């Protein structure tokens, strides 16, 4: 497993030279001047150590650290405070929330060596759950674990609507839209809308804007995130 600081170096939008570095018993906090005014509540347990937390935007909610060697990067937005609750129970996990991405409320849990990455300019509604792990093992008669954790990858400019659950192993392509209440168990291509339980594609080659009535420039910026047209 890579060192926590080596994993941090994989994300070039984080320039630690421009951030305040604060050492704690649980690890290291890198924080922007803006973020210092609006940090999520930190619940750091006695056995937490060697964790790295980077906060660039403004956030509220809670981050619980009980394990070690975890990396949490909160990019976020300078203008809007995002809400999230993150729980690091084990070690060597990574969570990245990209620049200009916002959230009205989601939660995620990490046990060991789990990874969730969220790209730039994503928009999360409320009551969203990202699940890389079932938290409890299911074993077959030979003792083999059959429900091991898997990473989740959310691309750039993805809109996740209210009460969506994204399950382990899912990759969501750029510009995609996950409709309200969807249970997403399979990967979603760029520019697709998925809905239902389990979620299925209901439309392709579309994307979204934060404005309900976008002008030509806003539409062009949104469309620029899309990959090449997806096959029927």
Protein backbone atom coordinates (compact mmCIF):
# COMPACT_ATOMS: atom_id res chain seq x y z
CA UNK A 1 0.00 0.00 0.00
CA UNK A 2 1.29 3.46 -0.90
CA UNK A 3 2.27 5.88 1.84
CA UNK A 4 -0.48 8.39 2.69
CA UNK A 5 1.59 11.33 1.46
CA UNK A 6 2.37 9.50 -1.80
CA UNK A 7 -1.37 9.08 -2.34
CA UNK A 8 -1.84 12.79 -1.66
CA UNK A 9 0.68 13.60 -4.41
CA UNK A 10 -1.59 11.82 -6.94
CA UNK A 11 -4.02 14.77 -6.76
CA UNK A 12 -2.38 17.82 -8.35
CA UNK A 13 -5.26 20.19 -7.50
CA UNK A 14 -3.93 20.09 -3.93
CA UNK A 15 -0.93 22.39 -3.42
CA UNK A 16 0.11 21.91 0.19
CA UNK A 17 2.62 24.77 -0.12
CA UNK A 18 -0.33 27.19 -0.09
CA UNK A 19 -2.04 25.59 2.91
CA UNK A 20 -1.57 25.81 6.64
CA UNK A 21 -0.18 22.56 8.05
CA UNK A 22 -1.34 21.60 11.55
CA UNK A 23 0.00 18.50 13.31
CA UNK A 24 -2.29 16.49 15.57
CA UNK A 25 -2.03 13.21 17.47
CA UNK A 26 -4.32 11.67 14.85
CA UNK A 27 -2.28 12.92 11.89
CA UNK A 28 -1.87 16.02 9.71
CA UNK A 29 -4.41 18.67 8.72
CA UNK A 30 -3.80 20.86 5.67
CA UNK A 31 -6.32 23.67 5.55
CA UNK A 32 -6.95 26.79 3.47
CA UNK A 33 -7.58 30.14 5.16
CA UNK A 34 -11.18 30.01 3.94
CA UNK A 35 -11.77 26.47 5.18
CA UNK A 36 -10.53 27.25 8.70
CA UNK A 37 -13.70 29.28 9.20
CA UNK A 38 -16.00 26.35 8.35
CA UNK A 39 -14.56 22.92 9.16
CA UNK A 40 -16.60 19.77 9.71
CA UNK A 41 -16.61 18.43 13.24
CA UNK A 42 -13.67 16.08 13.81
CA UNK A 43 -14.27 13.02 15.99
CA UNK A 44 -10.77 11.57 16.40
CA UNK A 45 -10.52 8.42 18.49
CA UNK A 46 -7.45 7.60 20.66
CA UNK A 47 -6.15 4.94 18.23
CA UNK A 48 -6.31 7.25 15.18
CA UNK A 49 -2.85 8.08 13.83
CA UNK A 50 -0.94 8.99 10.66
CA UNK A 51 -4.08 10.21 8.87
CA UNK A 52 -4.00 13.12 6.40
CA UNK A 53 -6.96 15.50 6.05
CA UNK A 54 -6.99 18.29 3.44
CA UNK A 55 -9.80 20.85 3.51
CA UNK A 56 -9.90 23.50 0.76
CA UNK A 57 -13.55 24.62 0.61
CA UNK A 58 -16.13 25.20 3.33
CA UNK A 59 -17.83 22.18 4.91
CA UNK A 60 -20.04 21.11 7.77
CA UNK A 61 -20.97 17.70 9.11
CA UNK A 62 -18.64 15.18 10.75
CA UNK A 63 -15.48 13.25 10.00
CA UNK A 64 -14.80 10.33 12.33
CA UNK A 65 -11.25 8.96 12.41
CA UNK A 66 -10.75 5.68 14.24
CA UNK A 67 -8.07 4.09 12.06
CA UNK A 68 -4.71 4.99 10.59
CA UNK A 69 -3.06 5.97 7.28
CA UNK A 70 -6.31 7.27 5.81
CA UNK A 71 -6.37 10.13 3.30
CA UNK A 72 -9.32 12.52 3.05
CA UNK A 73 -9.28 15.42 0.54
CA UNK A 74 -12.19 17.86 0.55
CA UNK A 75 -11.96 20.18 -2.44
CA UNK A 76 -15.40 21.69 -2.51
CA UNK A 77 -16.49 25.18 -3.45
CA UNK A 78 -15.45 28.62 -2.23
CA UNK A 79 -19.00 30.00 -2.37
CA UNK A 80 -21.18 27.20 -0.97
CA UNK A 81 -20.79 25.21 2.24
CA UNK A 82 -21.17 21.46 1.67
CA UNK A 83 -22.54 18.91 4.12
CA UNK A 84 -21.12 15.39 4.53
CA UNK A 85 -20.51 12.72 7.14
CA UNK A 86 -17.50 10.43 6.73
CA UNK A 87 -16.48 7.50 8.93
CA UNK A 88 -13.00 5.97 8.75
CA UNK A 89 -13.12 2.81 10.86
CA UNK A 90 -9.97 1.12 9.58
CA UNK A 91 -6.76 1.92 7.72
CA UNK A 92 -5.36 2.85 4.30
CA UNK A 93 -8.59 4.22 2.82
CA UNK A 94 -8.88 7.23 0.49
CA UNK A 95 -11.68 9.73 -0.06
CA UNK A 96 -11.39 12.56 -2.60
CA UNK A 97 -14.08 15.20 -3.17
CA UNK A 98 -13.03 17.28 -6.15
CA UNK A 99 -12.76 21.04 -6.65
CA UNK A 100 -15.98 23.03 -7.19
CA UNK A 101 -18.07 20.00 -6.16
CA UNK A 102 -20.91 20.58 -3.70
CA UNK A 103 -23.10 18.46 -1.44
CA UNK A 104 -26.33 19.03 0.49
CA UNK A 105 -25.72 15.88 2.47
CA UNK A 106 -24.17 12.47 1.93
CA UNK A 107 -22.44 9.82 4.00
CA UNK A 108 -19.76 7.20 3.40
CA UNK A 109 -17.99 4.59 5.54
CA UNK A 110 -14.51 3.16 5.10
CA UNK A 111 -13.14 0.03 6.76
CA UNK A 112 -9.81 -1.01 5.21
CA UNK A 113 -8.12 -0.03 1.93
CA UNK A 114 -11.32 1.40 0.47
CA UNK A 115 -11.47 4.24 -2.04
CA UNK A 116 -14.06 6.76 -3.21
CA UNK A 117 -13.14 9.48 -5.69
CA UNK A 118 -15.45 12.30 -6.75
CA UNK A 119 -14.42 14.50 -9.66
CA UNK A 120 -14.71 18.23 -10.18
CA UNK A 121 -17.90 20.29 -10.42
CA UNK A 122 -20.20 17.53 -9.15
CA UNK A 123 -23.53 18.34 -7.48
CA UNK A 124 -24.87 16.10 -4.71
CA UNK A 125 -28.35 16.58 -3.25
CA UNK A 126 -29.25 15.28 0.25
CA UNK A 127 -29.57 11.82 1.84
CA UNK A 128 -27.00 10.29 -0.52
CA UNK A 129 -25.06 7.17 0.49
CA UNK A 130 -21.89 5.89 -1.17
CA UNK A 131 -21.13 2.32 -0.06
CA UNK A 132 -17.81 0.65 -0.83
CA UNK A 133 -18.38 -1.92 1.91
CA UNK A 134 -21.13 -4.01 3.48
CA UNK A 135 -19.32 -3.61 6.85
CA UNK A 136 -19.96 -7.30 7.63
CA UNK A 137 -18.53 -10.34 5.86
CA UNK A 138 -20.59 -12.92 4.00
CA UNK A 139 -18.69 -16.22 3.75
CA UNK A 140 -19.34 -19.41 1.82
CA UNK A 141 -18.86 -22.95 3.18
CA UNK A 142 -15.14 -22.86 2.41
CA UNK A 143 -14.74 -19.71 4.51
CA UNK A 144 -14.15 -17.48 1.48
CA UNK A 145 -15.45 -13.92 1.78
CA UNK A 146 -17.84 -13.32 -1.10
CA UNK A 147 -18.69 -9.64 -0.52
CA UNK A 148 -15.33 -7.90 -0.42
CA UNK A 149 -15.25 -4.12 -0.67
CA UNK A 150 -14.76 -2.39 -4.03
CA UNK A 151 -13.95 1.23 -4.93
CA UNK A 152 -16.43 3.83 -6.20
CA UNK A 153 -15.44 6.37 -8.85
CA UNK A 154 -17.60 9.40 -9.66
CA UNK A 155 -16.46 11.35 -12.73
CA UNK A 156 -16.56 15.10 -13.39
CA UNK A 157 -19.77 17.14 -13.50
CA UNK A 158 -22.03 14.38 -12.14
CA UNK A 159 -25.42 15.24 -10.62
CA UNK A 160 -26.61 12.87 -7.89
CA UNK A 161 -30.19 13.63 -6.85
CA UNK A 162 -31.86 13.08 -3.49
CA UNK A 163 -31.84 9.71 -1.69
CA UNK A 164 -29.53 7.98 -4.16
CA UNK A 165 -27.43 5.01 -3.02
CA UNK A 166 -24.31 4.12 -5.01
CA UNK A 167 -23.05 0.60 -4.33
CA UNK A 168 -19.50 -0.74 -4.35
CA UNK A 169 -17.66 -1.22 -7.60
CA UNK A 170 -19.66 1.42 -9.48
CA UNK A 171 -18.00 3.89 -11.86
CA UNK A 172 -20.02 6.91 -12.97
CA UNK A 173 -18.96 8.69 -16.17
CA UNK A 174 -18.64 12.42 -16.76
CA UNK A 175 -21.82 14.47 -17.00
CA UNK A 176 -24.08 11.64 -15.83
CA UNK A 177 -27.27 12.13 -13.81
CA UNK A 178 -28.46 9.74 -11.09
CA UNK A 179 -32.19 10.33 -10.58
CA UNK A 180 -33.82 10.69 -7.16
CA UNK A 181 -34.15 7.46 -5.19
CA UNK A 182 -31.99 5.41 -7.57
CA UNK A 183 -30.10 2.39 -6.25
CA UNK A 184 -27.04 2.27 -8.50
CA UNK A 185 -25.48 -1.19 -8.66
CA UNK A 186 -23.81 -1.03 -12.08
CA UNK A 187 -21.49 1.46 -13.72
CA UNK A 188 -23.02 4.44 -15.55
CA UNK A 189 -21.62 5.76 -18.85
CA UNK A 190 -20.87 9.41 -19.53
CA UNK A 191 -23.92 11.50 -20.39
CA UNK A 192 -26.51 8.96 -19.20
CA UNK A 193 -29.49 9.39 -16.88
CA UNK A 194 -30.21 6.38 -14.67
CA UNK A 195 -33.28 5.84 -12.49
CA UNK A 196 -34.99 3.13 -10.46
CA UNK A 197 -34.08 0.18 -8.24
CA UNK A 198 -31.87 -1.24 -9.54
CA UNK A 199 -31.01 1.81 -11.62
CA UNK A 200 -31.27 1.51 -15.40
CA UNK A 201 -30.40 3.91 -18.19
CA UNK A 202 -33.43 5.97 -19.24
CA UNK A 203 -31.67 8.46 -21.54
CA UNK A 204 -28.26 8.90 -23.16
CA UNK A 205 -26.06 11.74 -24.41
CA UNK A 206 -27.40 14.47 -22.14
CA UNK A 207 -25.92 16.46 -19.28
CA UNK A 208 -27.02 19.21 -16.89
CA UNK A 209 -26.37 22.75 -15.65
CA UNK A 210 -26.78 24.35 -12.25
CA UNK A 211 -28.93 27.05 -13.86
CA UNK A 212 -32.56 26.19 -14.75
CA UNK A 213 -32.25 28.44 -17.80
CA UNK A 214 -28.64 28.24 -19.01
CA UNK A 215 -27.24 30.64 -21.55
CA UNK A 216 -25.07 29.45 -24.44
CA UNK A 217 -21.85 29.75 -22.43
CA UNK A 218 -23.21 27.73 -19.51
CA UNK A 219 -24.48 25.03 -21.83
CA UNK A 220 -21.14 24.83 -23.63
CA UNK A 221 -19.26 24.42 -20.35
CA UNK A 222 -21.55 21.58 -19.28
CA UNK A 223 -21.34 19.81 -22.64
CA UNK A 224 -17.54 20.04 -22.59
CA UNK A 225 -17.47 17.48 -19.77
CA UNK A 226 -19.10 14.77 -21.88
CA UNK A 227 -17.11 11.92 -23.36
CA UNK A 228 -17.72 10.81 -26.94
CA UNK A 229 -21.34 9.75 -27.70
CA UNK A 230 -22.22 6.39 -26.18
CA UNK A 231 -23.48 3.49 -28.35
CA UNK A 232 -27.18 2.68 -28.30
